[in-house]
C-alpha atoms as a PDB file:
ATOM      1  CA  MET A   1      27.564  18.384  -5.323  1.00  0.00           C
ATOM      2  CA  THR A   2      28.215  21.994  -6.322  1.00  0.00           C
ATOM      3  CA  PHE A   3      25.851  24.258  -8.217  1.00  0.00           C
ATOM      4  CA  ALA A   4      26.731  24.833 -11.878  1.00  0.00           C
ATOM      5  CA  ILE A   5      25.487  28.419 -11.672  1.00  0.00           C
ATOM      6  CA  PRO A   6      27.057  30.818 -14.174  1.00  0.00           C
ATOM      7  CA  ASP A   7      28.672  34.134 -13.274  1.00  0.00           C
ATOM      8  CA  GLU A   8      28.735  33.705  -9.497  1.00  0.00           C
ATOM      9  CA  THR A   9      29.980  37.234  -8.875  1.00  0.00           C
ATOM     10  CA  PRO A  10      29.236  38.895  -5.526  1.00  0.00           C
ATOM     11  CA  LYS A  11      27.195  41.547  -7.335  1.00  0.00           C
ATOM     12  CA  LYS A  12      24.923  38.980  -8.987  1.00  0.00           C
ATOM     13  CA  MET A  13      24.629  36.919  -5.809  1.00  0.00           C
ATOM     14  CA  GLN A  14      23.401  40.002  -3.987  1.00  0.00           C
ATOM     15  CA  ALA A  15      20.943  40.881  -6.766  1.00  0.00           C
ATOM     16  CA  GLN A  16      19.535  37.355  -6.840  1.00  0.00           C
ATOM     17  CA  SER A  17      19.031  37.185  -3.080  1.00  0.00           C
ATOM     18  CA  SER A  18      17.006  40.388  -3.193  1.00  0.00           C
ATOM     19  CA  LEU A  19      14.461  38.915  -5.613  1.00  0.00           C
ATOM     20  CA  ARG A  20      10.966  38.420  -4.222  1.00  0.00           C
ATOM     21  CA  ILE A  21       9.056  35.273  -5.211  1.00  0.00           C
ATOM     22  CA  ALA A  22       5.283  34.820  -4.946  1.00  0.00           C
ATOM     23  CA  PHE A  23       4.961  31.136  -3.986  1.00  0.00           C
ATOM     24  CA  ILE A  24       1.460  30.037  -5.021  1.00  0.00           C
ATOM     25  CA  SER A  25      -0.402  26.760  -4.453  1.00  0.00           C
ATOM     26  CA  THR A  26      -3.852  25.483  -3.545  1.00  0.00           C
ATOM     27  CA  LEU A  27      -2.322  22.684  -1.432  1.00  0.00           C
ATOM     28  CA  SER A  28       0.243  22.403   1.336  1.00  0.00           C
ATOM     29  CA  THR A  29       1.784  18.966   0.920  1.00  0.00           C
ATOM     30  CA  PRO A  30       5.200  17.809   2.178  1.00  0.00           C
ATOM     31  CA  PHE A  31       6.799  17.938  -1.288  1.00  0.00           C
ATOM     32  CA  ILE A  32       5.445  21.454  -1.896  1.00  0.00           C
ATOM     33  CA  GLN A  33       6.752  22.513   1.506  1.00  0.00           C
ATOM     34  CA  ASP A  34      10.159  21.077   0.530  1.00  0.00           C
ATOM     35  CA  ASP A  35      10.356  23.457  -2.445  1.00  0.00           C
ATOM     36  CA  LEU A  36       9.157  26.344  -0.305  1.00  0.00           C
ATOM     37  CA  GLU A  37      11.771  25.792   2.389  1.00  0.00           C
ATOM     38  CA  MET A  38      14.490  25.446  -0.229  1.00  0.00           C
ATOM     39  CA  LEU A  39      13.555  28.720  -1.958  1.00  0.00           C
ATOM     40  CA  LYS A  40      13.450  30.519   1.383  1.00  0.00           C
ATOM     41  CA  ARG A  41      17.171  29.858   1.747  1.00  0.00           C
ATOM     42  CA  TYR A  42      17.896  31.937  -1.353  1.00  0.00           C
ATOM     43  CA  TYR A  43      15.069  34.433  -1.862  1.00  0.00           C
ATOM     44  CA  ARG A  44      12.430  36.551  -0.159  1.00  0.00           C
ATOM     45  CA  ILE A  45       9.142  34.678  -0.372  1.00  0.00           C
ATOM     46  CA  GLU A  46       5.499  35.775  -0.456  1.00  0.00           C
ATOM     47  CA  VAL A  47       3.539  32.611   0.404  1.00  0.00           C
ATOM     48  CA  GLN A  48      -0.018  32.235  -0.898  1.00  0.00           C
ATOM     49  CA  ILE A  49      -1.470  28.776  -0.263  1.00  0.00           C
ATOM     50  CA  GLY A  50      -5.239  28.375  -0.394  1.00  0.00           C
ATOM     51  CA  SER A  51      -8.305  28.653  -2.631  1.00  0.00           C
ATOM     52  CA  GLY A  52     -11.411  30.762  -3.188  1.00  0.00           C
ATOM     53  CA  ILE A  53     -12.141  34.343  -4.257  1.00  0.00           C
ATOM     54  CA  TYR A  54     -10.159  35.824  -1.381  1.00  0.00           C
ATOM     55  CA  HIS A  55      -7.162  33.728  -2.409  1.00  0.00           C
ATOM     56  CA  ILE A  56      -7.346  35.198  -5.938  1.00  0.00           C
ATOM     57  CA  LEU A  57      -7.104  38.706  -4.489  1.00  0.00           C
ATOM     58  CA  LYS A  58      -4.113  37.682  -2.373  1.00  0.00           C
ATOM     59  CA  ILE A  59      -2.420  36.161  -5.425  1.00  0.00           C
ATOM     60  CA  ALA A  60      -2.869  39.419  -7.336  1.00  0.00           C
ATOM     61  CA  LEU A  61      -1.378  41.465  -4.491  1.00  0.00           C
ATOM     62  CA  SER A  62       1.558  39.070  -4.121  1.00  0.00           C
ATOM     63  CA  CYS A  63       2.277  39.274  -7.845  1.00  0.00           C
ATOM     64  CA  ILE A  64       2.344  43.051  -7.705  1.00  0.00           C
ATOM     65  CA  LYS A  65       4.932  42.900  -4.906  1.00  0.00           C
ATOM     66  CA  SER A  66       7.060  40.127  -6.477  1.00  0.00           C
ATOM     67  CA  ASP A  67       9.590  39.676  -9.259  1.00  0.00           C
ATOM     68  CA  ILE A  68       8.484  36.151 -10.115  1.00  0.00           C
ATOM     69  CA  ALA A  69       5.514  33.847  -9.455  1.00  0.00           C
ATOM     70  CA  PHE A  70       6.373  30.243  -8.597  1.00  0.00           C
ATOM     71  CA  CYS A  71       3.197  28.153  -8.887  1.00  0.00           C
ATOM     72  CA  TRP A  72       2.752  24.518  -7.889  1.00  0.00           C
ATOM     73  CA  PHE A  73       0.287  22.887 -10.326  1.00  0.00           C
ATOM     74  CA  ALA A  74      -1.285  24.283 -13.468  1.00  0.00           C
ATOM     75  CA  SER A  75      -4.671  25.620 -12.386  1.00  0.00           C
ATOM     76  CA  THR A  76      -7.046  28.549 -12.692  1.00  0.00           C
ATOM     77  CA  TYR A  77      -5.092  30.171  -9.853  1.00  0.00           C
ATOM     78  CA  SER A  78      -1.723  29.777 -11.557  1.00  0.00           C
ATOM     79  CA  SER A  79      -3.231  31.134 -14.789  1.00  0.00           C
ATOM     80  CA  ILE A  80      -4.167  34.306 -12.929  1.00  0.00           C
ATOM     81  CA  ALA A  81      -0.606  34.581 -11.638  1.00  0.00           C
ATOM     82  CA  VAL A  82       0.809  34.104 -15.154  1.00  0.00           C
ATOM     83  CA  TRP A  83      -1.555  36.755 -16.545  1.00  0.00           C
ATOM     84  CA  MET A  84      -0.645  39.189 -13.784  1.00  0.00           C
ATOM     85  CA  MET A  85       3.095  38.718 -14.267  1.00  0.00           C
ATOM     86  CA  ARG A  86       2.814  39.176 -18.037  1.00  0.00           C
ATOM     87  CA  LEU A  87       0.859  42.363 -17.441  1.00  0.00           C
ATOM     88  CA  LEU A  88       3.657  43.550 -15.150  1.00  0.00           C
ATOM     89  CA  HIS A  89       6.389  42.363 -17.592  1.00  0.00           C
ATOM     90  CA  ARG A  90       7.684  39.902 -14.990  1.00  0.00           C
ATOM     91  CA  LYS A  91       8.460  36.183 -14.863  1.00  0.00           C
ATOM     92  CA  SER A  92       6.403  33.121 -13.898  1.00  0.00           C
ATOM     93  CA  ILE A  93       7.044  29.416 -13.285  1.00  0.00           C
ATOM     94  CA  ILE A  94       4.518  26.570 -13.089  1.00  0.00           C
ATOM     95  CA  VAL A  95       5.401  23.131 -11.720  1.00  0.00           C
ATOM     96  CA  ILE A  96       3.338  20.306 -13.257  1.00  0.00           C
ATOM     97  CA  GLY A  97       2.749  17.552 -10.729  1.00  0.00           C
ATOM     98  CA  GLY A  98       0.325  15.105 -12.371  1.00  0.00           C
ATOM     99  CA  VAL A  99      -3.248  15.919 -11.356  1.00  0.00           C
ATOM    100  CA  ASP A 100      -3.024  19.018 -13.571  1.00  0.00           C
ATOM    101  CA  VAL A 101      -2.615  16.867 -16.703  1.00  0.00           C
ATOM    102  CA  ALA A 102      -5.334  14.327 -15.874  1.00  0.00           C
ATOM    103  CA  ARG A 103      -8.373  13.954 -18.123  1.00  0.00           C
ATOM    104  CA  ASP A 104     -10.362  10.804 -17.404  1.00  0.00           C
ATOM    105  CA  GLU A 105     -13.969  10.945 -18.564  1.00  0.00           C
ATOM    106  CA  LYS A 106     -14.799   7.516 -17.112  1.00  0.00           C
ATOM    107  CA  LEU A 107     -13.786   8.574 -13.599  1.00  0.00           C
ATOM    108  CA  GLN A 108     -14.766  12.211 -14.182  1.00  0.00           C
ATOM    109  CA  TYR A 109     -11.302  13.153 -12.983  1.00  0.00           C
ATOM    110  CA  GLY A 110      -9.174  16.098 -14.052  1.00  0.00           C
ATOM    111  CA  ILE A 111      -9.350  19.856 -14.531  1.00  0.00           C
ATOM    112  CA  TRP A 112      -9.281  19.435 -18.318  1.00  0.00           C
ATOM    113  CA  LEU A 113     -12.824  18.028 -18.273  1.00  0.00           C
ATOM    114  CA  VAL A 114     -14.202  21.482 -17.398  1.00  0.00           C
ATOM    115  CA  PRO A 115     -14.069  23.611 -20.592  1.00  0.00           C
ATOM    116  CA  TRP A 116     -13.630  27.028 -18.977  1.00  0.00           C
ATOM    117  CA  LYS A 117     -10.944  25.723 -16.596  1.00  0.00           C
ATOM    118  CA  ALA A 118      -9.173  24.014 -19.500  1.00  0.00           C
ATOM    119  CA  ARG A 119      -8.953  27.361 -21.318  1.00  0.00           C
ATOM    120  CA  PHE A 120      -7.363  28.983 -18.259  1.00  0.00           C
ATOM    121  CA  VAL A 121      -4.839  26.161 -17.825  1.00  0.00           C
ATOM    122  CA  ARG A 122      -3.994  26.138 -21.551  1.00  0.00           C
ATOM    123  CA  TYR A 123      -3.239  29.858 -21.368  1.00  0.00           C
ATOM    124  CA  ALA A 124      -1.048  29.369 -18.304  1.00  0.00           C
ATOM    125  CA  LEU A 125       1.008  26.569 -19.865  1.00  0.00           C
ATOM    126  CA  LYS A 126       1.600  28.470 -23.089  1.00  0.00           C
ATOM    127  CA  HIS A 127       2.479  31.804 -21.503  1.00  0.00           C
ATOM    128  CA  ALA A 128       4.411  30.989 -18.339  1.00  0.00           C
ATOM    129  CA  SER A 129       8.091  31.903 -18.549  1.00  0.00           C
ATOM    130  CA  LYS A 130       8.974  28.352 -17.564  1.00  0.00           C
ATOM    131  CA  ILE A 131       7.049  25.101 -17.136  1.00  0.00           C
ATOM    132  CA  ILE A 132       8.728  22.539 -14.884  1.00  0.00           C
ATOM    133  CA  ALA A 133       7.408  18.985 -15.274  1.00  0.00           C
ATOM    134  CA  VAL A 134       8.488  16.378 -12.739  1.00  0.00           C
ATOM    135  CA  ASP A 135       8.690  13.745 -15.499  1.00  0.00           C
ATOM    136  CA  ASP A 136       8.719  13.760 -19.287  1.00  0.00           C
ATOM    137  CA  SER A 137       5.531  11.665 -19.402  1.00  0.00           C
ATOM    138  CA  LEU A 138       3.692  14.514 -17.680  1.00  0.00           C
ATOM    139  CA  GLY A 139       5.361  17.076 -19.916  1.00  0.00           C
ATOM    140  CA  GLU A 140       4.147  15.188 -22.988  1.00  0.00           C
ATOM    141  CA  LYS A 141       0.581  15.120 -21.633  1.00  0.00           C
ATOM    142  CA  ALA A 142       0.741  18.865 -20.992  1.00  0.00           C
ATOM    143  CA  ARG A 143       1.945  19.508 -24.551  1.00  0.00           C
ATOM    144  CA  GLN A 144      -0.868  17.389 -25.981  1.00  0.00           C
ATOM    145  CA  LEU A 145      -3.637  18.886 -23.855  1.00  0.00           C
ATOM    146  CA  ALA A 146      -2.508  22.477 -24.344  1.00  0.00           C
ATOM    147  CA  GLY A 147      -1.778  21.951 -28.042  1.00  0.00           C
ATOM    148  CA  TYR A 148       1.667  23.542 -28.094  1.00  0.00           C
ATOM    149  CA  ASN A 149       5.307  22.543 -28.575  1.00  0.00           C
ATOM    150  CA  GLY A 150       6.419  22.940 -24.968  1.00  0.00           C
ATOM    151  CA  GLU A 151       9.351  25.212 -25.817  1.00  0.00           C
ATOM    152  CA  ASN A 152       9.150  26.768 -22.323  1.00  0.00           C
ATOM    153  CA  MET A 153       9.321  23.369 -20.575  1.00  0.00           C
ATOM    154  CA  GLU A 154      12.065  21.646 -18.578  1.00  0.00           C
ATOM    155  CA  ILE A 155      12.037  18.308 -16.757  1.00  0.00           C
ATOM    156  CA  VAL A 156      13.037  18.479 -13.088  1.00  0.00           C
ATOM    157  CA  PRO A 157      12.096  15.441 -10.964  1.00  0.00           C
ATOM    158  CA  THR A 158      11.070  15.846  -7.358  1.00  0.00           C
ATOM    159  CA  GLY A 159      13.829  15.088  -4.847  1.00  0.00           C
ATOM    160  CA  TYR A 160      14.004  13.088  -1.625  1.00  0.00           C
ATOM    161  CA  ASP A 161      16.012  13.145   1.588  1.00  0.00           C
ATOM    162  CA  ILE A 162      17.991   9.927   1.190  1.00  0.00           C
ATOM    163  CA  ASN A 163      19.421  10.281   4.696  1.00  0.00           C
ATOM    164  CA  PHE A 164      15.940  10.247   6.249  1.00  0.00           C
ATOM    165  CA  TRP A 165      14.274   7.664   4.005  1.00  0.00           C
ATOM    166  CA  LYS A 166      16.580   4.694   4.495  1.00  0.00           C
ATOM    167  CA  ILE A 167      16.695   0.974   5.125  1.00  0.00           C
ATOM    168  CA  SER A 168      16.830   0.037   8.805  1.00  0.00           C
ATOM    169  CA  GLU A 169      18.185  -3.032  10.552  1.00  0.00           C
ATOM    170  CA  ILE A 170      14.610  -4.134  11.269  1.00  0.00           C
ATOM    171  CA  HIS A 171      13.809  -7.418   9.545  1.00  0.00           C
ATOM    172  CA  LYS A 172      11.263  -6.958   6.768  1.00  0.00           C
ATOM    173  CA  ILE A 173       7.855  -8.518   7.330  1.00  0.00           C
ATOM    174  CA  LYS A 174       6.218 -10.246   4.359  1.00  0.00           C
ATOM    175  CA  SER A 175       3.423  -7.713   4.106  1.00  0.00           C
ATOM    176  CA  VAL A 176       2.056  -5.126   1.656  1.00  0.00           C
ATOM    177  CA  LEU A 177       1.866  -1.378   2.278  1.00  0.00           C
ATOM    178  CA  THR A 178      -0.114   1.217   0.298  1.00  0.00           C
ATOM    179  CA  ILE A 179      -0.437   4.920   1.066  1.00  0.00           C
ATOM    180  CA  ALA A 180      -3.361   6.709  -0.567  1.00  0.00           C
ATOM    181  CA  ILE A 181      -5.097   9.894   0.565  1.00  0.00           C
ATOM    182  CA  ALA A 182      -8.731   9.310  -0.371  1.00  0.00           C
ATOM    183  CA  GLU A 183     -11.845  10.975   1.003  1.00  0.00           C
ATOM    184  CA  ASP A 184     -14.414   9.923  -1.597  1.00  0.00           C
ATOM    185  CA  GLU A 185     -15.167   7.058  -3.972  1.00  0.00           C
ATOM    186  CA  ARG A 186     -13.702   8.782  -7.030  1.00  0.00           C
ATOM    187  CA  ARG A 187     -10.385   9.351  -5.298  1.00  0.00           C
ATOM    188  CA  LEU A 188     -10.492   5.752  -4.044  1.00  0.00           C
ATOM    189  CA  ARG A 189     -10.749   4.514  -7.639  1.00  0.00           C
ATOM    190  CA  VAL A 190      -8.085   6.940  -8.878  1.00  0.00           C
ATOM    191  CA  LYS A 191      -5.717   5.348  -6.364  1.00  0.00           C
ATOM    192  CA  GLY A 192      -6.836   1.830  -7.339  1.00  0.00           C
ATOM    193  CA  ILE A 193      -7.813   0.848  -3.800  1.00  0.00           C
ATOM    194  CA  ASP A 194     -10.811  -1.090  -5.106  1.00  0.00           C
ATOM    195  CA  VAL A 195      -8.433  -3.330  -7.070  1.00  0.00           C
ATOM    196  CA  LEU A 196      -6.077  -3.664  -4.109  1.00  0.00           C
ATOM    197  CA  LEU A 197      -8.892  -4.842  -1.825  1.00  0.00           C
ATOM    198  CA  GLU A 198      -9.929  -7.475  -4.380  1.00  0.00           C
ATOM    199  CA  ALA A 199      -6.332  -8.718  -4.483  1.00  0.00           C
ATOM    200  CA  ALA A 200      -6.201  -8.805  -0.677  1.00  0.00           C
ATOM    201  CA  HIS A 201      -9.308 -11.015  -0.625  1.00  0.00           C
ATOM    202  CA  LEU A 202      -7.402 -13.512  -2.783  1.00  0.00           C
ATOM    203  CA  LEU A 203      -4.270 -13.395  -0.594  1.00  0.00           C
ATOM    204  CA  PRO A 204      -5.668 -14.081   2.899  1.00  0.00           C
ATOM    205  CA  ASN A 205      -2.299 -15.133   4.330  1.00  0.00           C
ATOM    206  CA  ILE A 206      -0.574 -11.848   3.465  1.00  0.00           C
ATOM    207  CA  PRO A 207      -1.169  -8.816   5.738  1.00  0.00           C
ATOM    208  CA  PHE A 208      -1.995  -5.521   4.001  1.00  0.00           C
ATOM    209  CA  THR A 209      -1.799  -2.013   5.448  1.00  0.00           C
ATOM    210  CA  ILE A 210      -3.470   0.965   3.772  1.00  0.00           C
ATOM    211  CA  ILE A 211      -2.692   4.422   5.153  1.00  0.00           C
ATOM    212  CA  GLY A 212      -4.654   7.572   4.350  1.00  0.00           C
ATOM    213  CA  LEU A 213      -8.285   6.597   3.739  1.00  0.00           C
ATOM    214  CA  SER A 214     -10.907   8.740   5.429  1.00  0.00           C
ATOM    215  CA  GLU A 215     -13.155   7.142   8.031  1.00  0.00           C
ATOM    216  CA  ARG A 216     -16.217   8.016   5.966  1.00  0.00           C
ATOM    217  CA  ILE A 217     -15.063   6.157   2.855  1.00  0.00           C
ATOM    218  CA  VAL A 218     -13.869   3.141   4.878  1.00  0.00           C
ATOM    219  CA  ARG A 219     -17.367   2.572   6.272  1.00  0.00           C
ATOM    220  CA  GLY A 220     -18.642   1.712   2.784  1.00  0.00           C
ATOM    221  CA  LEU A 221     -15.889  -0.753   1.894  1.00  0.00           C
ATOM    222  CA  ASN A 222     -15.790  -4.542   2.034  1.00  0.00           C
ATOM    223  CA  VAL A 223     -12.474  -4.821   3.869  1.00  0.00           C
ATOM    224  CA  PRO A 224     -11.048  -8.342   4.311  1.00  0.00           C
ATOM    225  CA  THR A 225      -9.703  -9.362   7.720  1.00  0.00           C
ATOM    226  CA  ASN A 226      -6.080  -9.312   6.527  1.00  0.00           C
ATOM    227  CA  VAL A 227      -6.265  -5.575   5.724  1.00  0.00           C
ATOM    228  CA  GLU A 228      -5.526  -2.882   8.307  1.00  0.00           C
ATOM    229  CA  ILE A 229      -6.607   0.661   7.444  1.00  0.00           C
ATOM    230  CA  ILE A 230      -4.908   3.545   9.262  1.00  0.00           C
ATOM    231  CA  PRO A 231      -5.514   7.317   9.026  1.00  0.00           C
ATOM    232  CA  SER A 232      -2.947   9.541   7.323  1.00  0.00           C
ATOM    233  CA  MET A 233       0.129  10.502   9.342  1.00  0.00           C
ATOM    234  CA  ASP A 234       3.247  12.659   9.160  1.00  0.00           C
ATOM    235  CA  ARG A 235       6.572  11.641   7.618  1.00  0.00           C
ATOM    236  CA  LYS A 236       8.242  10.687  10.877  1.00  0.00           C
ATOM    237  CA  SER A 237       5.404   8.296  11.705  1.00  0.00           C
ATOM    238  CA  LEU A 238       5.416   6.797   8.201  1.00  0.00           C
ATOM    239  CA  LEU A 239       9.085   5.878   8.259  1.00  0.00           C
ATOM    240  CA  PRO A 240       8.847   2.679  10.386  1.00  0.00           C
ATOM    241  CA  TYR A 241       5.964   1.398   8.233  1.00  0.00           C
ATOM    242  CA  TYR A 242       8.172   1.622   5.143  1.00  0.00           C
ATOM    243  CA  GLN A 243      11.154   0.142   6.952  1.00  0.00           C
ATOM    244  CA  ARG A 244       9.423  -3.001   8.192  1.00  0.00           C
ATOM    245  CA  THR A 245       7.301  -3.737   5.078  1.00  0.00           C
ATOM    246  CA  LYS A 246       8.507  -6.075   2.337  1.00  0.00           C
ATOM    247  CA  VAL A 247       6.354  -4.844  -0.573  1.00  0.00           C
ATOM    248  CA  TYR A 248       4.971  -1.447  -1.480  1.00  0.00           C
ATOM    249  CA  CYS A 249       1.962  -1.569  -3.827  1.00  0.00           C
ATOM    250  CA  GLN A 250       0.723   1.337  -5.925  1.00  0.00           C
ATOM    251  CA  PRO A 251      -2.279   0.202  -8.004  1.00  0.00           C
ATOM    252  CA  SER A 252      -3.216   3.753  -9.118  1.00  0.00           C
ATOM    253  CA  ARG A 253      -5.122   4.633 -12.261  1.00  0.00           C
ATOM    254  CA  HIS A 254      -3.505   8.092 -12.255  1.00  0.00           C
ATOM    255  CA  GLU A 255      -0.253   9.365 -10.753  1.00  0.00           C
ATOM    256  CA  GLY A 256       2.319  12.070 -11.270  1.00  0.00           C
ATOM    257  CA  MET A 257       5.720  11.314  -9.821  1.00  0.00           C
ATOM    258  CA  SER A 258       4.635   9.416  -6.738  1.00  0.00           C
ATOM    259  CA  ASN A 259       6.410  10.649  -3.634  1.00  0.00           C
ATOM    260  CA  VAL A 260       5.285   7.734  -1.478  1.00  0.00           C
ATOM    261  CA  LEU A 261       6.537   5.248  -4.064  1.00  0.00           C
ATOM    262  CA  CYS A 262       9.983   6.884  -4.033  1.00  0.00           C
ATOM    263  CA  GLU A 263      10.033   7.028  -0.236  1.00  0.00           C
ATOM    264  CA  ALA A 264       9.103   3.341   0.006  1.00  0.00           C
ATOM    265  CA  MET A 265      11.828   2.341  -2.440  1.00  0.00           C
ATOM    266  CA  LEU A 266      14.424   4.343  -0.509  1.00  0.00           C
ATOM    267  CA  CYS A 267      13.417   2.268   2.514  1.00  0.00           C
ATOM    268  CA  GLY A 268      13.994  -0.967   0.584  1.00  0.00           C
ATOM    269  CA  CYS A 269      10.389  -1.904  -0.214  1.00  0.00           C
ATOM    270  CA  ILE A 270       9.922  -3.988  -3.368  1.00  0.00           C
ATOM    271  CA  PRO A 271       7.622  -1.900  -5.611  1.00  0.00           C
ATOM    272  CA  VAL A 272       4.607  -3.319  -7.430  1.00  0.00           C
ATOM    273  CA  ALA A 273       2.836  -0.622  -9.418  1.00  0.00           C
ATOM    274  CA  THR A 274       0.737   0.263 -12.443  1.00  0.00           C
ATOM    275  CA  ASN A 275       2.464   1.995 -15.338  1.00  0.00           C
ATOM    276  CA  VAL A 276       0.994   5.475 -14.944  1.00  0.00           C
ATOM    277  CA  GLY A 277       2.675   8.884 -14.802  1.00  0.00           C
ATOM    278  CA  ALA A 278       6.350   8.664 -13.889  1.00  0.00           C
ATOM    279  CA  THR A 279       6.128   5.146 -12.431  1.00  0.00           C
ATOM    280  CA  GLN A 280       8.202   3.388 -15.091  1.00  0.00           C
ATOM    281  CA  SER A 281      10.862   6.100 -14.831  1.00  0.00           C
ATOM    282  CA  ILE A 282      11.006   5.616 -11.056  1.00  0.00           C
ATOM    283  CA  LEU A 283      11.123   1.810 -11.086  1.00  0.00           C
ATOM    284  CA  GLY A 284      13.470   1.254 -13.998  1.00  0.00           C
ATOM    285  CA  ASP A 285      14.337  -2.459 -13.863  1.00  0.00           C
ATOM    286  CA  GLU A 286      13.944  -2.733 -10.087  1.00  0.00           C
ATOM    287  CA  GLY A 287      10.214  -3.295  -9.651  1.00  0.00           C
ATOM    288  CA  ILE A 288       7.173  -5.054 -11.069  1.00  0.00           C
ATOM    289  CA  ILE A 289       4.726  -3.284 -13.397  1.00  0.00           C
ATOM    290  CA  VAL A 290       1.122  -4.522 -13.616  1.00  0.00           C
ATOM    291  CA  SER A 291      -1.760  -3.614 -15.922  1.00  0.00           C
ATOM    292  CA  LEU A 292      -4.408  -1.173 -14.702  1.00  0.00           C
ATOM    293  CA  GLY A 293      -7.354  -2.864 -13.013  1.00  0.00           C
ATOM    294  CA  ASP A 294      -6.025  -6.405 -13.525  1.00  0.00           C
ATOM    295  CA  VAL A 295      -6.651  -8.144 -10.191  1.00  0.00           C
ATOM    296  CA  SER A 296      -5.140 -11.494 -11.160  1.00  0.00           C
ATOM    297  CA  ALA A 297      -1.971  -9.830 -12.476  1.00  0.00           C
ATOM    298  CA  LEU A 298      -1.699  -7.844  -9.246  1.00  0.00           C
ATOM    299  CA  VAL A 299      -2.071 -10.994  -7.139  1.00  0.00           C
ATOM    300  CA  SER A 300       0.671 -12.748  -9.119  1.00  0.00           C
ATOM    301  CA  ALA A 301       2.968  -9.728  -8.910  1.00  0.00           C
ATOM    302  CA  LEU A 302       2.553  -9.425  -5.128  1.00  0.00           C
ATOM    303  CA  GLN A 303       3.284 -13.131  -4.665  1.00  0.00           C
ATOM    304  CA  ARG A 304       6.386 -12.805  -6.839  1.00  0.00           C
ATOM    305  CA  ALA A 305       7.589  -9.714  -4.979  1.00  0.00           C
ATOM    306  CA  MET A 306       7.395 -11.584  -1.675  1.00  0.00           C
ATOM    307  CA  GLN A 307      10.034 -14.013  -2.974  1.00  0.00           C
ATOM    308  CA  PHE A 308      12.726 -11.403  -3.598  1.00  0.00           C
ATOM    309  CA  SER A 309      15.748 -11.491  -1.285  1.00  0.00           C
ATOM    310  CA  GLU A 310      16.655  -8.796   1.248  1.00  0.00           C
ATOM    311  CA  GLU A 311      19.517  -7.749  -1.058  1.00  0.00           C
ATOM    312  CA  LYS A 312      16.974  -6.726  -3.700  1.00  0.00           C
ATOM    313  CA  GLY A 313      15.798  -3.979  -1.370  1.00  0.00           C
ATOM    314  CA  TYR A 314      19.223  -2.302  -1.562  1.00  0.00           C
ATOM    315  CA  LYS A 315      19.110  -2.312  -5.372  1.00  0.00           C
ATOM    316  CA  VAL A 316      15.629  -0.807  -5.222  1.00  0.00           C
ATOM    317  CA  ARG A 317      16.906   1.931  -2.911  1.00  0.00           C
ATOM    318  CA  GLU A 318      19.812   2.817  -5.209  1.00  0.00           C
ATOM    319  CA  GLN A 319      17.427   3.190  -8.148  1.00  0.00           C
ATOM    320  CA  VAL A 320      15.926   6.247  -6.413  1.00  0.00           C
ATOM    321  CA  ALA A 321      18.906   7.396  -4.332  1.00  0.00           C
ATOM    322  CA  ASN A 322      21.131   7.839  -7.390  1.00  0.00           C
ATOM    323  CA  ARG A 323      18.608   9.824  -9.442  1.00  0.00           C
ATOM    324  CA  PHE A 324      16.092  11.709  -7.318  1.00  0.00           C
ATOM    325  CA  THR A 325      17.727  13.590  -4.451  1.00  0.00           C
ATOM    326  CA  ARG A 326      16.736  16.897  -2.904  1.00  0.00           C
ATOM    327  CA  LYS A 327      20.158  18.275  -3.769  1.00  0.00           C
ATOM    328  CA  GLN A 328      19.719  17.487  -7.456  1.00  0.00           C
ATOM    329  CA  ARG A 329      16.311  19.212  -7.545  1.00  0.00           C
ATOM    330  CA  GLU A 330      17.615  22.202  -5.622  1.00  0.00           C
ATOM    331  CA  GLN A 331      20.515  22.631  -8.026  1.00  0.00           C
ATOM    332  CA  LYS A 332      18.274  22.539 -11.095  1.00  0.00           C
ATOM    333  CA  LEU A 333      15.617  24.903  -9.709  1.00  0.00           C
ATOM    334  CA  ILE A 334      18.208  27.489  -8.693  1.00  0.00           C
ATOM    335  CA  GLU A 335      19.876  27.244 -12.111  1.00  0.00           C
ATOM    336  CA  ILE A 336      16.500  27.894 -13.793  1.00  0.00           C
ATOM    337  CA  LEU A 337      15.899  30.951 -11.624  1.00  0.00           C
ATOM    338  CA  TRP A 338      19.386  32.284 -12.375  1.00  0.00           C
ATOM    339  CA  LYS A 339      18.774  31.933 -16.114  1.00  0.00           C
ATOM    340  CA  LEU A 340      15.472  33.817 -15.830  1.00  0.00           C
ATOM    341  CA  PHE A 341      17.338  36.747 -14.262  1.00  0.00           C
ATOM    342  CA  PRO A 342      20.705  36.984 -16.100  1.00  0.00           C
END
């Protein structure tokens, strides 16, 4: 695939490569690192990943030294970057990932529940040069919460390395895999692990594996004997779990564009998931959608998924491989940056 970048003259190429980007985030996750490494191939990067008062000062200094601020997630920190860049008559980009458009009063989950933080985020969304949402469902939530028309918004899905995440020759085991980073009860419920454990109790003959729960939260759970809980691990270690598992289950109450769901599908896992965030867009017609919190529906869906043939796994893979590649995301992000600096 070639980049559809306008006016690729040597003069412009040189000017673009000399741009300095302040790369700002409170987290350092694999998908954020993917964007960072991609941008490093084209631009000079000032990396500011962290939180706290000291981090705010570092953001301000990076903005002063940079031509554009590239912020992962709409937050109080990204709002400061947007304000700084407007003050300096420079550009800013915010990537919306999902947690930044959550507002769940029942779970007390989401930045929009805190009035002063909501004002900061609303300002950032309205005044950034460009908002990049990983799915239109998240873009629509951002428009509703911020109360604006989203004229500065574009949809650019996250992308995946389809040569790394792939189906192996290992025979699939009739088991269920879920990956959920959770260190407290609220996060556990956000990821729907309470519902998953209830379903596992009702399916004693099916092995379940949950990766990512903290040891502290596990101690308070009623875990059935058919469930194995494993600490979080890196991508290379995750790969064989995806490759040998028949079904990937995502029972979340909130999601953005789930990276682990896409990775699992690329490895041929049959997806069973709740319809939150970008899930329906990811699955298309190649997975099973269940209602939030419905244990009996989840049990039935997992039993049904176990009956799919091995060939179904290849169709599931193509659903993601044809639409959400790293190359496609890279192309779109670079095009956006080129348009910001004509």
